[in-house]
Amino acid sequence: MTTISLNKLSDQLKELVARARAGEEIILTEDDEPVARLEPVAAPDNPRGYGVLRGKLDVPDEFFLDPLPEDELARWWGCDQQDRSQRDGKE
């Protein structure tokens, strides 16, 4: 384990990051008190990518293609059914 003062950090940051990436634990101190730890970021065990759920979900086309019910449309527009009908000229 290495400790380094924050006053000296800016001069050695690249080197310290390389050492942390290699697995060394580095403790940053201020006035001889530990304030932070520099360590490598672990790669996710299971990176998510495009198409990861392909074939695992069954969503019918009608779910996306059918028109929304009037009450749902009114909520999207922020008005009630009567306001929407008046605005669209459907009295």
N, C-alpha and C. Protein backbone atom coordinates (compact mmCIF):
# COMPACT_ATOMS: atom_id res chain seq x y z
N MET A 1 0.85 -1.17 0.00
CA MET A 1 0.00 0.00 0.00
C MET A 1 0.89 1.23 0.00
N THR A 2 0.54 2.20 -0.83
CA THR A 2 1.28 3.45 -0.95
C THR A 2 0.41 4.58 -0.44
N THR A 3 0.99 5.54 0.27
CA THR A 3 0.26 6.74 0.66
C THR A 3 0.94 7.94 0.03
N ILE A 4 0.16 8.90 -0.35
CA ILE A 4 0.69 10.11 -0.99
C ILE A 4 -0.15 11.31 -0.57
N SER A 5 0.50 12.42 -0.34
CA SER A 5 -0.17 13.66 0.05
C SER A 5 -0.88 14.27 -1.15
N LEU A 6 -2.02 14.89 -0.92
CA LEU A 6 -2.74 15.56 -2.00
C LEU A 6 -1.91 16.67 -2.63
N ASN A 7 -1.01 17.27 -1.88
CA ASN A 7 -0.14 18.33 -2.42
C ASN A 7 0.74 17.80 -3.54
N LYS A 8 1.13 16.54 -3.47
CA LYS A 8 2.02 15.95 -4.47
C LYS A 8 1.26 15.21 -5.57
N LEU A 9 -0.05 15.12 -5.44
CA LEU A 9 -0.85 14.30 -6.34
C LEU A 9 -0.80 14.77 -7.79
N SER A 10 -0.91 16.06 -8.02
CA SER A 10 -1.00 16.54 -9.40
C SER A 10 0.24 16.20 -10.22
N ASP A 11 1.40 16.17 -9.58
CA ASP A 11 2.63 15.85 -10.30
C ASP A 11 2.72 14.38 -10.68
N GLN A 12 2.06 13.51 -9.94
CA GLN A 12 2.26 12.07 -10.11
C GLN A 12 0.99 11.32 -10.52
N LEU A 13 -0.05 12.03 -10.90
CA LEU A 13 -1.34 11.38 -11.12
C LEU A 13 -1.28 10.27 -12.16
N LYS A 14 -0.67 10.52 -13.32
CA LYS A 14 -0.62 9.48 -14.36
C LYS A 14 0.09 8.23 -13.86
N GLU A 15 1.18 8.43 -13.19
CA GLU A 15 1.94 7.29 -12.66
C GLU A 15 1.11 6.52 -11.63
N LEU A 16 0.43 7.25 -10.75
CA LEU A 16 -0.37 6.60 -9.72
C LEU A 16 -1.54 5.83 -10.30
N VAL A 17 -2.17 6.38 -11.32
CA VAL A 17 -3.27 5.68 -11.98
C VAL A 17 -2.76 4.39 -12.61
N ALA A 18 -1.61 4.44 -13.23
CA ALA A 18 -1.03 3.23 -13.84
C ALA A 18 -0.74 2.18 -12.77
N ARG A 19 -0.22 2.61 -11.64
CA ARG A 19 0.07 1.68 -10.56
C ARG A 19 -1.21 1.09 -9.97
N ALA A 20 -2.24 1.91 -9.83
CA ALA A 20 -3.53 1.41 -9.33
C ALA A 20 -4.13 0.43 -10.32
N ARG A 21 -4.04 0.74 -11.60
CA ARG A 21 -4.56 -0.15 -12.64
C ARG A 21 -3.87 -1.51 -12.58
N ALA A 22 -2.60 -1.51 -12.18
CA ALA A 22 -1.84 -2.75 -12.07
C ALA A 22 -2.18 -3.52 -10.80
N GLY A 23 -3.02 -2.93 -9.93
CA GLY A 23 -3.48 -3.64 -8.74
C GLY A 23 -2.98 -3.10 -7.42
N GLU A 24 -2.15 -2.09 -7.43
CA GLU A 24 -1.63 -1.52 -6.18
C GLU A 24 -2.69 -0.63 -5.53
N GLU A 25 -2.81 -0.74 -4.21
CA GLU A 25 -3.73 0.12 -3.48
C GLU A 25 -2.99 1.39 -3.10
N ILE A 26 -3.57 2.56 -3.41
CA ILE A 26 -2.93 3.84 -3.15
C ILE A 26 -3.89 4.67 -2.30
N ILE A 27 -3.41 5.13 -1.16
CA ILE A 27 -4.20 5.93 -0.24
C ILE A 27 -3.76 7.39 -0.38
N LEU A 28 -4.71 8.28 -0.57
CA LEU A 28 -4.43 9.71 -0.67
C LEU A 28 -4.66 10.34 0.71
N THR A 29 -3.72 11.16 1.13
CA THR A 29 -3.80 11.76 2.46
C THR A 29 -3.76 13.26 2.38
N GLU A 30 -4.29 13.89 3.42
CA GLU A 30 -4.21 15.33 3.59
C GLU A 30 -3.88 15.58 5.05
N ASP A 31 -2.78 16.27 5.29
CA ASP A 31 -2.29 16.48 6.66
C ASP A 31 -2.13 15.16 7.39
N ASP A 32 -1.56 14.19 6.69
CA ASP A 32 -1.29 12.84 7.23
C ASP A 32 -2.55 12.05 7.61
N GLU A 33 -3.71 12.50 7.17
CA GLU A 33 -4.96 11.78 7.41
C GLU A 33 -5.45 11.18 6.09
N PRO A 34 -5.78 9.90 6.04
CA PRO A 34 -6.31 9.29 4.81
C PRO A 34 -7.64 9.94 4.42
N VAL A 35 -7.77 10.31 3.14
CA VAL A 35 -9.01 10.93 2.67
C VAL A 35 -9.64 10.20 1.48
N ALA A 36 -8.84 9.43 0.75
CA ALA A 36 -9.39 8.74 -0.42
C ALA A 36 -8.50 7.55 -0.77
N ARG A 37 -9.07 6.64 -1.55
CA ARG A 37 -8.34 5.47 -2.00
C ARG A 37 -8.38 5.43 -3.52
N LEU A 38 -7.26 5.18 -4.14
CA LEU A 38 -7.17 5.07 -5.60
C LEU A 38 -7.03 3.59 -5.91
N GLU A 39 -8.01 3.05 -6.64
CA GLU A 39 -7.99 1.64 -6.99
C GLU A 39 -8.60 1.47 -8.37
N PRO A 40 -8.30 0.37 -9.04
CA PRO A 40 -8.85 0.18 -10.39
C PRO A 40 -10.35 -0.06 -10.36
N VAL A 41 -11.02 0.34 -11.40
CA VAL A 41 -12.44 0.09 -11.54
C VAL A 41 -12.59 -1.29 -12.17
N ALA A 42 -13.35 -2.14 -11.52
CA ALA A 42 -13.56 -3.49 -12.04
C ALA A 42 -14.54 -3.44 -13.21
N ALA A 43 -14.24 -4.20 -14.24
CA ALA A 43 -15.14 -4.30 -15.38
C ALA A 43 -16.39 -5.07 -14.94
N PRO A 44 -17.56 -4.71 -15.46
CA PRO A 44 -18.76 -5.43 -15.07
C PRO A 44 -18.66 -6.90 -15.49
N ASP A 45 -19.19 -7.78 -14.64
CA ASP A 45 -19.16 -9.22 -14.94
C ASP A 45 -20.00 -9.56 -16.15
N ASN A 46 -21.06 -8.79 -16.33
CA ASN A 46 -22.06 -9.12 -17.33
C ASN A 46 -22.41 -7.85 -18.11
N PRO A 47 -21.56 -7.43 -19.04
CA PRO A 47 -21.87 -6.20 -19.77
C PRO A 47 -23.14 -6.35 -20.60
N ARG A 48 -23.98 -5.33 -20.53
CA ARG A 48 -25.22 -5.35 -21.30
C ARG A 48 -24.93 -4.84 -22.71
N GLY A 49 -25.61 -5.39 -23.65
CA GLY A 49 -25.43 -4.96 -25.03
C GLY A 49 -26.75 -5.01 -25.78
N TYR A 50 -26.72 -4.55 -27.01
CA TYR A 50 -27.92 -4.56 -27.83
C TYR A 50 -28.31 -6.00 -28.14
N GLY A 51 -29.61 -6.25 -28.07
CA GLY A 51 -30.13 -7.56 -28.43
C GLY A 51 -30.01 -8.61 -27.35
N VAL A 52 -29.65 -8.21 -26.14
CA VAL A 52 -29.45 -9.19 -25.09
C VAL A 52 -30.76 -9.88 -24.69
N LEU A 53 -31.91 -9.24 -24.91
CA LEU A 53 -33.21 -9.84 -24.59
C LEU A 53 -33.92 -10.41 -25.82
N ARG A 54 -33.24 -10.43 -26.95
CA ARG A 54 -33.87 -10.94 -28.17
C ARG A 54 -34.35 -12.38 -27.95
N GLY A 55 -35.62 -12.62 -28.24
CA GLY A 55 -36.18 -13.95 -28.11
C GLY A 55 -36.66 -14.28 -26.71
N LYS A 56 -36.44 -13.40 -25.74
CA LYS A 56 -36.84 -13.68 -24.36
C LYS A 56 -38.15 -13.00 -23.99
N LEU A 57 -38.60 -12.04 -24.77
CA LEU A 57 -39.84 -11.33 -24.51
C LEU A 57 -40.81 -11.58 -25.66
N ASP A 58 -42.06 -11.73 -25.31
CA ASP A 58 -43.08 -11.91 -26.33
C ASP A 58 -44.05 -10.73 -26.26
N VAL A 59 -43.84 -9.73 -27.10
CA VAL A 59 -44.69 -8.55 -27.14
C VAL A 59 -45.39 -8.54 -28.50
N PRO A 60 -46.73 -8.68 -28.50
CA PRO A 60 -47.44 -8.72 -29.78
C PRO A 60 -47.37 -7.36 -30.50
N ASP A 61 -47.41 -7.40 -31.83
CA ASP A 61 -47.37 -6.18 -32.63
C ASP A 61 -48.51 -5.24 -32.28
N GLU A 62 -49.66 -5.80 -31.91
CA GLU A 62 -50.81 -4.97 -31.59
C GLU A 62 -50.52 -4.03 -30.43
N PHE A 63 -49.61 -4.43 -29.58
CA PHE A 63 -49.27 -3.60 -28.42
C PHE A 63 -48.76 -2.24 -28.88
N PHE A 64 -48.04 -2.21 -30.00
CA PHE A 64 -47.48 -0.97 -30.51
C PHE A 64 -48.32 -0.33 -31.60
N LEU A 65 -49.10 -1.13 -32.30
CA LEU A 65 -49.79 -0.63 -33.49
C LEU A 65 -51.23 -0.19 -33.24
N ASP A 66 -51.87 -0.72 -32.21
CA ASP A 66 -53.26 -0.32 -31.92
C ASP A 66 -53.27 1.12 -31.40
N PRO A 67 -54.31 1.89 -31.76
CA PRO A 67 -54.41 3.26 -31.23
C PRO A 67 -54.65 3.23 -29.72
N LEU A 68 -54.20 4.27 -29.05
CA LEU A 68 -54.41 4.36 -27.62
C LEU A 68 -55.87 4.67 -27.31
N PRO A 69 -56.37 4.18 -26.18
CA PRO A 69 -57.74 4.53 -25.78
C PRO A 69 -57.84 6.04 -25.53
N GLU A 70 -59.05 6.58 -25.66
CA GLU A 70 -59.26 8.02 -25.51
C GLU A 70 -58.80 8.55 -24.16
N ASP A 71 -59.05 7.79 -23.08
CA ASP A 71 -58.64 8.28 -21.76
C ASP A 71 -57.12 8.35 -21.64
N GLU A 72 -56.43 7.41 -22.28
CA GLU A 72 -54.95 7.46 -22.28
C GLU A 72 -54.45 8.65 -23.09
N LEU A 73 -55.05 8.88 -24.24
CA LEU A 73 -54.66 10.04 -25.05
C LEU A 73 -54.89 11.35 -24.29
N ALA A 74 -55.99 11.42 -23.56
CA ALA A 74 -56.29 12.62 -22.79
C ALA A 74 -55.22 12.87 -21.73
N ARG A 75 -54.75 11.79 -21.10
CA ARG A 75 -53.69 11.96 -20.10
C ARG A 75 -52.40 12.43 -20.76
N TRP A 76 -52.09 11.95 -21.95
CA TRP A 76 -50.89 12.41 -22.66
C TRP A 76 -51.00 13.88 -23.02
N TRP A 77 -52.19 14.29 -23.42
CA TRP A 77 -52.39 15.68 -23.82
C TRP A 77 -52.61 16.60 -22.63
N GLY A 78 -52.82 16.02 -21.44
CA GLY A 78 -53.01 16.83 -20.24
C GLY A 78 -54.37 17.49 -20.17
N CYS A 79 -55.39 16.85 -20.73
CA CYS A 79 -56.74 17.42 -20.69
C CYS A 79 -57.73 16.27 -20.54
N ASP A 80 -58.97 16.61 -20.27
CA ASP A 80 -59.98 15.56 -20.18
C ASP A 80 -60.58 15.31 -21.56
N GLN A 81 -61.44 14.31 -21.65
CA GLN A 81 -62.01 13.90 -22.94
C GLN A 81 -62.78 15.03 -23.61
N GLN A 82 -63.54 15.79 -22.87
CA GLN A 82 -64.34 16.87 -23.46
C GLN A 82 -63.43 17.95 -24.05
N ASP A 83 -62.37 18.34 -23.33
CA ASP A 83 -61.43 19.34 -23.85
C ASP A 83 -60.80 18.87 -25.16
N ARG A 84 -60.44 17.59 -25.21
CA ARG A 84 -59.79 17.06 -26.41
C ARG A 84 -60.76 17.05 -27.59
N SER A 85 -61.99 16.67 -27.34
CA SER A 85 -63.00 16.64 -28.41
C SER A 85 -63.23 18.04 -28.96
N GLN A 86 -63.30 19.04 -28.09
CA GLN A 86 -63.49 20.41 -28.55
C GLN A 86 -62.31 20.89 -29.35
N ARG A 87 -61.12 20.57 -28.90
CA ARG A 87 -59.91 21.01 -29.61
C ARG A 87 -59.82 20.37 -30.99
N ASP A 88 -60.19 19.10 -31.09
CA ASP A 88 -60.12 18.40 -32.37
C ASP A 88 -61.34 18.65 -33.25
N GLY A 89 -62.32 19.42 -32.76
CA GLY A 89 -63.51 19.70 -33.54
C GLY A 89 -64.48 18.55 -33.60
N LYS A 90 -64.48 17.69 -32.61
CA LYS A 90 -65.35 16.50 -32.59
C LYS A 90 -66.45 16.67 -31.54
N GLU A 91 -67.27 17.63 -31.66
CA GLU A 91 -68.31 17.82 -30.66
C GLU A 91 -69.52 16.98 -30.93
